[in-house]
Protein backbone atom coordinates (compact mmCIF):
# COMPACT_ATOMS: atom_id res chain seq x y z
CA MET A 1 3.99 -13.15 54.40
CA LEU A 2 4.39 -15.70 56.93
CA ALA A 3 1.50 -13.51 58.77
CA ILE A 4 -0.58 -13.57 56.12
CA LEU A 5 -0.26 -17.21 55.22
CA LEU A 6 -1.14 -17.65 59.12
CA LYS A 7 -4.22 -15.99 58.52
CA THR A 8 -5.52 -17.52 55.02
CA LEU A 9 -4.50 -20.90 56.36
CA PRO A 10 -7.41 -21.68 58.48
CA PHE A 11 -9.77 -20.89 55.02
CA PHE A 12 -7.42 -23.45 53.41
CA ALA A 13 -7.49 -25.67 56.13
CA VAL A 14 -11.47 -25.64 56.03
CA ILE A 15 -11.30 -26.69 52.30
CA GLY A 16 -8.64 -29.20 53.27
CA LEU A 17 -10.79 -30.93 55.64
CA GLY A 18 -13.77 -30.89 53.25
CA TYR A 19 -11.19 -32.50 50.47
CA LEU A 20 -10.40 -35.28 53.26
CA ALA A 21 -14.12 -35.91 54.22
CA GLY A 22 -15.16 -36.24 50.14
CA ARG A 23 -12.05 -38.35 49.61
CA THR A 24 -12.84 -41.37 52.27
CA ARG A 25 -16.54 -40.84 51.11
CA PHE A 26 -17.67 -40.14 54.89
CA PHE A 27 -19.06 -37.01 52.80
CA SER A 28 -21.17 -38.43 49.45
CA GLU A 29 -21.14 -36.87 46.21
CA GLU A 30 -24.69 -36.02 46.65
CA ALA A 31 -23.79 -34.80 49.99
CA THR A 32 -21.58 -32.24 48.70
CA ALA A 33 -24.30 -31.50 45.94
CA TYR A 34 -26.81 -30.94 48.71
CA LEU A 35 -24.39 -28.70 50.91
CA THR A 36 -23.74 -26.64 47.64
CA ARG A 37 -26.73 -25.74 46.78
CA PHE A 38 -27.56 -24.76 50.96
CA VAL A 39 -24.73 -22.21 50.06
CA PHE A 40 -25.51 -21.06 46.56
CA TYR A 41 -29.42 -20.44 47.17
CA PHE A 42 -29.65 -19.74 51.17
CA ALA A 43 -26.76 -19.04 53.17
CA LEU A 44 -24.29 -17.03 50.51
CA SER A 45 -27.94 -15.46 48.94
CA ALA A 46 -28.26 -13.96 52.94
CA MET A 47 -24.96 -13.05 53.35
CA LEU A 48 -24.96 -11.08 49.89
CA PHE A 49 -28.49 -9.34 50.58
CA GLY A 50 -27.08 -8.19 53.97
CA PHE A 51 -23.77 -6.67 52.28
CA ALA A 52 -25.35 -4.73 49.58
CA ALA A 53 -28.35 -3.79 51.92
CA ASN A 54 -25.90 -1.68 53.77
CA LEU A 55 -23.71 -0.67 51.07
CA ASP A 56 -23.56 2.75 50.32
CA VAL A 57 -23.47 2.25 46.44
CA ALA A 58 -22.86 6.02 45.33
CA ALA A 59 -19.55 5.58 47.41
CA ILE A 60 -18.10 2.39 46.12
CA PHE A 61 -19.64 2.07 42.12
CA SER A 62 -16.90 3.43 39.94
CA TRP A 63 -16.86 3.06 35.97
CA THR A 64 -13.10 3.51 36.03
CA PHE A 65 -12.82 0.22 38.27
CA VAL A 66 -15.25 -1.58 36.01
CA PHE A 67 -13.02 -0.64 33.26
CA ALA A 68 -9.96 -1.51 34.52
CA TYR A 69 -11.22 -5.01 35.34
CA LEU A 70 -12.89 -5.31 32.02
CA LEU A 71 -9.83 -4.46 30.65
CA ALA A 72 -7.55 -6.87 31.93
CA THR A 73 -9.73 -9.36 32.11
CA SER A 74 -10.56 -9.25 28.38
CA ALA A 75 -7.03 -9.26 27.62
CA VAL A 76 -6.14 -12.35 29.93
CA TRP A 77 -9.51 -13.75 28.14
CA LEU A 78 -7.98 -13.49 24.36
CA ILE A 79 -4.41 -14.14 24.94
CA VAL A 80 -5.96 -17.68 26.49
CA ALA A 81 -8.18 -18.16 23.70
CA GLY A 82 -5.06 -17.29 21.30
CA VAL A 83 -3.07 -19.80 22.78
CA ALA A 84 -5.50 -22.66 22.54
CA LEU A 85 -6.52 -21.60 19.01
CA ALA A 86 -2.47 -21.76 18.10
CA ARG A 87 -2.67 -25.16 19.48
CA ARG A 88 -5.09 -26.35 17.19
CA THR A 89 -8.00 -26.99 19.52
CA SER A 90 -11.53 -26.14 18.46
CA PRO A 91 -13.62 -22.96 18.83
CA GLU A 92 -15.63 -23.91 21.81
CA GLU A 93 -12.97 -25.76 23.68
CA ALA A 94 -10.77 -21.92 22.82
CA VAL A 95 -13.65 -20.28 24.69
CA PHE A 96 -14.15 -22.65 27.56
CA GLU A 97 -10.14 -22.23 28.31
CA ALA A 98 -10.07 -18.55 28.02
CA HIS A 99 -13.03 -18.44 30.59
CA THR A 100 -10.88 -20.95 32.94
CA GLY A 101 -8.18 -18.60 32.85
CA VAL A 102 -10.01 -15.46 34.07
CA ILE A 103 -13.25 -16.75 35.97
CA GLY A 104 -12.01 -16.80 40.06
CA ASN A 105 -14.01 -18.37 43.03
CA VAL A 106 -14.99 -15.23 43.93
CA GLY A 107 -18.81 -16.36 45.33
CA PHE A 108 -17.70 -18.99 47.32
CA LEU A 109 -14.37 -17.98 48.21
CA GLY A 110 -13.30 -14.40 47.40
CA ILE A 111 -16.46 -12.55 49.27
CA PRO A 112 -16.14 -14.73 52.76
CA MET A 113 -12.20 -14.71 52.70
CA LEU A 114 -11.60 -10.90 51.43
CA ALA A 115 -13.90 -9.37 53.92
CA LEU A 116 -12.61 -11.11 56.94
CA LEU A 117 -8.73 -10.59 55.64
CA LEU A 118 -9.37 -7.09 54.57
CA GLY A 119 -12.18 -6.09 56.15
CA PRO A 120 -15.56 -5.03 55.47
CA GLN A 121 -15.40 -2.15 52.96
CA ALA A 122 -13.72 -5.13 50.82
CA VAL A 123 -17.12 -6.57 50.04
CA GLY A 124 -18.07 -3.34 47.47
CA PRO A 125 -15.44 -3.79 45.16
CA VAL A 126 -15.42 -7.34 45.43
CA LEU A 127 -19.16 -7.46 44.54
CA LEU A 128 -18.32 -5.36 41.24
CA VAL A 129 -15.55 -7.82 40.34
CA LEU A 130 -18.32 -10.64 40.92
CA ALA A 131 -20.92 -8.61 38.92
CA VAL A 132 -18.39 -8.21 36.06
CA ASP A 133 -17.79 -11.73 36.02
CA LEU A 134 -21.43 -13.04 36.10
CA ILE A 135 -23.28 -10.42 33.82
CA VAL A 136 -20.23 -9.86 31.16
CA PHE A 137 -18.22 -12.89 30.95
CA SER A 138 -20.43 -15.53 31.96
CA SER A 139 -22.73 -14.13 28.85
CA ILE A 140 -20.30 -13.67 26.09
CA LEU A 141 -19.40 -17.68 27.14
CA THR A 142 -23.45 -18.43 26.72
CA MET A 143 -23.35 -16.54 23.14
CA ALA A 144 -19.86 -17.93 22.09
CA ILE A 145 -21.01 -21.11 22.68
CA THR A 146 -24.38 -20.72 21.36
CA GLY A 147 -23.28 -18.70 18.27
CA LEU A 148 -20.43 -21.33 17.28
CA ARG A 149 -23.37 -24.17 17.53
CA ALA A 150 -25.93 -22.42 15.82
CA GLY A 151 -23.87 -20.34 13.29
CA ARG A 152 -25.61 -16.95 14.64
CA VAL A 153 -26.46 -15.38 17.91
CA SER A 154 -30.25 -15.10 17.67
CA ALA A 155 -33.00 -13.34 19.99
CA GLN A 156 -33.59 -16.57 21.50
CA THR A 157 -29.77 -16.69 22.69
CA PHE A 158 -30.44 -13.07 24.95
CA GLY A 159 -33.67 -14.82 26.44
CA ILE A 160 -31.12 -17.41 27.78
CA LEU A 161 -29.43 -14.90 28.84
CA ALA A 162 -31.88 -12.78 30.67
CA THR A 163 -33.20 -16.24 32.19
CA GLY A 164 -30.04 -17.06 33.59
CA LEU A 165 -29.12 -14.24 34.95
CA ALA A 166 -32.69 -13.83 36.87
CA LYS A 167 -32.41 -17.34 38.34
CA ASN A 168 -29.17 -16.65 39.38
CA PRO A 169 -29.25 -16.16 43.48
CA MET A 170 -26.29 -14.29 44.05
CA ILE A 171 -27.17 -11.54 41.25
CA VAL A 172 -30.76 -11.63 42.71
CA SER A 173 -29.45 -10.86 46.65
CA VAL A 174 -27.10 -8.09 45.51
CA VAL A 175 -29.89 -6.55 43.29
CA LEU A 176 -32.60 -6.33 45.84
CA GLY A 177 -30.05 -5.76 48.47
CA ILE A 178 -28.85 -2.64 46.72
CA GLY A 179 -32.73 -2.05 45.97
CA TRP A 180 -33.54 -2.09 49.53
CA GLY A 181 -30.24 0.02 50.66
CA ALA A 182 -31.30 2.87 48.03
CA THR A 183 -34.59 3.33 50.08
CA GLY A 184 -32.78 4.79 53.28
CA LEU A 185 -34.53 2.55 55.49
CA ALA A 186 -32.66 0.06 58.36
CA LEU A 187 -33.02 -3.38 58.19
CA PRO A 188 -35.40 -4.29 60.84
CA GLY A 189 -33.88 -6.22 63.80
CA PRO A 190 -35.19 -9.49 63.42
CA VAL A 191 -34.58 -9.77 59.54
CA ASN A 192 -31.01 -8.24 60.17
CA GLU A 193 -30.51 -10.81 63.08
CA PHE A 194 -31.65 -13.74 60.80
CA LEU A 195 -29.62 -12.71 57.80
CA THR A 196 -26.80 -12.49 59.96
CA LEU A 197 -27.15 -16.26 61.42
CA LEU A 198 -28.18 -17.47 58.05
CA GLY A 199 -24.98 -15.60 56.57
CA ALA A 200 -22.74 -16.78 58.95
CA ALA A 201 -23.04 -20.48 57.45
CA ALA A 202 -21.79 -19.37 54.30
CA THR A 203 -18.10 -19.17 54.75
CA PRO A 204 -17.13 -22.55 56.69
CA CYS A 205 -19.81 -24.71 54.56
CA ALA A 206 -18.56 -22.93 51.15
CA LEU A 207 -15.20 -23.48 51.68
CA PHE A 208 -15.68 -27.20 53.18
CA ALA A 209 -17.82 -27.72 49.80
CA ILE A 210 -15.32 -26.71 47.67
CA GLY A 211 -12.73 -29.14 49.17
CA ALA A 212 -15.02 -31.85 49.24
CA SER A 213 -16.30 -31.17 45.42
CA LEU A 214 -12.39 -31.46 44.32
CA ALA A 215 -12.11 -35.08 46.16
CA GLY A 216 -14.04 -35.95 43.15
CA ARG A 217 -11.95 -34.46 40.43
CA SER A 218 -9.36 -36.74 38.61
CA ALA A 219 -6.13 -34.85 37.27
CA GLU A 220 -6.41 -35.36 33.28
CA ARG A 221 -4.67 -32.59 30.29
CA VAL A 222 -2.17 -31.40 33.40
CA GLU A 223 -0.22 -29.81 30.86
CA VAL A 224 -3.14 -27.24 29.75
CA ALA A 225 -4.81 -27.24 33.15
CA ALA A 226 -1.41 -25.99 34.30
CA TRP A 227 -1.29 -22.98 31.99
CA LEU A 228 -4.91 -22.31 32.66
CA SER A 229 -4.15 -22.08 36.04
CA PHE A 230 -1.02 -19.99 35.94
CA ALA A 231 -2.99 -17.55 33.80
CA LYS A 232 -5.58 -17.40 36.67
CA LEU A 233 -3.25 -17.20 39.63
CA PHE A 234 -0.57 -14.78 37.90
CA LEU A 235 -1.76 -13.68 34.23
CA HIS A 236 -5.18 -12.02 35.86
CA PRO A 237 -3.55 -10.44 38.85
CA ALA A 238 -0.58 -9.17 36.94
CA ALA A 239 -2.78 -8.00 34.09
CA VAL A 240 -5.14 -6.11 36.81
CA ALA A 241 -2.40 -4.60 38.21
CA GLY A 242 -1.31 -3.17 34.87
CA ALA A 243 -5.16 -1.76 33.93
CA CYS A 244 -5.25 -0.25 37.52
CA TRP A 245 -1.95 1.32 36.96
CA LEU A 246 -2.89 2.37 33.00
CA LEU A 247 -6.22 3.70 34.16
CA GLY A 248 -5.60 5.14 37.69
CA VAL A 249 -7.30 2.77 39.98
CA THR A 250 -5.07 3.27 43.29
CA GLY A 251 -4.99 2.26 46.72
CA TYR A 252 -7.52 0.27 48.52
CA GLN A 253 -10.16 -0.53 45.41
CA ALA A 254 -6.62 -1.31 43.03
CA GLY A 255 -5.70 -3.80 46.23
CA VAL A 256 -9.16 -5.71 46.52
CA MET A 257 -9.52 -5.75 42.62
CA ILE A 258 -5.85 -7.65 42.14
CA ALA A 259 -6.31 -9.83 45.15
CA ALA A 260 -9.93 -10.57 43.53
CA ALA A 261 -8.15 -11.61 40.59
CA ALA A 262 -5.69 -13.77 42.17
CA LEU A 263 -8.17 -16.08 43.31
CA PRO A 264 -8.30 -19.80 42.00
CA VAL A 265 -10.73 -21.37 39.25
CA ALA A 266 -14.35 -20.88 40.14
CA GLY A 267 -16.06 -24.59 40.54
CA ASN A 268 -19.01 -23.27 38.27
CA VAL A 269 -16.79 -23.02 35.39
CA PHE A 270 -16.78 -27.03 35.48
CA ILE A 271 -20.57 -27.24 35.90
CA LEU A 272 -20.97 -24.78 32.70
CA ALA A 273 -18.44 -27.09 30.64
CA GLN A 274 -20.15 -30.38 31.75
CA HIS A 275 -23.33 -28.50 30.81
CA TYR A 276 -22.32 -27.61 27.07
CA ARG A 277 -19.70 -30.84 26.86
CA VAL A 278 -16.63 -28.84 26.16
CA ALA A 279 -13.32 -29.66 27.80
CA PRO A 280 -14.99 -30.97 31.77
CA GLN A 281 -11.46 -33.01 32.43
CA ARG A 282 -8.95 -30.06 32.01
CA VAL A 283 -11.43 -27.84 33.30
CA SER A 284 -11.57 -29.68 36.51
CA THR A 285 -7.73 -30.31 36.63
CA ALA A 286 -7.27 -26.92 36.25
CA ILE A 287 -9.85 -25.98 39.31
CA LEU A 288 -7.95 -28.59 41.32
CA LEU A 289 -4.28 -27.54 40.39
CA SER A 290 -5.13 -23.64 41.40
CA THR A 291 -7.13 -24.17 44.39
CA ALA A 292 -4.37 -26.16 45.77
CA ALA A 293 -1.63 -23.50 44.42
CA SER A 294 -3.83 -20.63 45.52
CA VAL A 295 -2.74 -21.82 49.34
CA LEU A 296 0.92 -20.02 48.50
CA THR A 297 0.06 -17.74 45.46
CA VAL A 298 -3.14 -15.81 47.10
CA THR A 299 -1.10 -15.44 50.43
CA ALA A 300 1.98 -14.02 47.84
CA VAL A 301 -0.15 -11.57 46.45
CA ILE A 302 -1.96 -10.24 49.80
CA ALA A 303 1.14 -9.90 51.04
CA LEU A 304 2.95 -8.17 48.26
CA LEU A 305 -0.18 -5.54 48.08
CA SER A 306 0.04 -5.28 52.29
CA GLN A 307 3.85 -4.14 51.65
CA GLY A 308 3.11 -2.13 48.79
CA GLY A 309 0.28 -0.27 50.92
CA TYR A 310 -2.57 -0.87 48.94
CA ILE A 311 -4.08 -2.90 51.72
């Protein structure tokens, strides 16, 4: 485990550096927002397009893989939502707690970290996990909140979903990259070098932005946030491991899926909580707690997967 910790530590050290810069106000909230936008719209998009354009989709896509992740994530979603309702929270808050318990920081942290730790072949399975999170569970969140507030799900709801997906640069870059890869053409040399140069900024900038954004979060509703962090860091990867066993997803793909499920709560969950004005403080605290704890928990999960021969 120490060897794995030494490999993961530099990633979390950059997050810590960003946190320190934000905490001391050397990096303002406005600067953090612009750095995040740079990563989201430019650096990460370039990285994802480059990865997707060089993927053999037929070789990495697996319905069994997708179903296993869907089954496990849905089970944890329902458990967390049920616990929230049992505490007599509102249905909207229960939906957001469920979303917090299953949506990990796959885009900003998972793709760059797992690609470097587990090898470039991890990108395909991680992209499948990201696609399910963005397309399926983000859509469920939007439909649930819209339906609860309007009393029904209308055609307008699906229009909002389609528009949101079409404007998400991560989805657009992956789809365009896969489309290019399907042509069988290699990327022109200057284009490939441009994507490599710009994409190389994604990892350090994304990690720094995560840390800087955490500096502005205050710890409130700690008990609930601790439960949500436990659900994300422990229940989710455990459920994924069980679903892989149940559906026969084995070896490297199973290992990558479990590692991706062990990632801390994604920062965009807080953005959604703010947008809908539902439980932003407990979501914010869950992001803070889960990210801090993931220094050890992600390391432990990867170490266990390595010992088990998965990765």
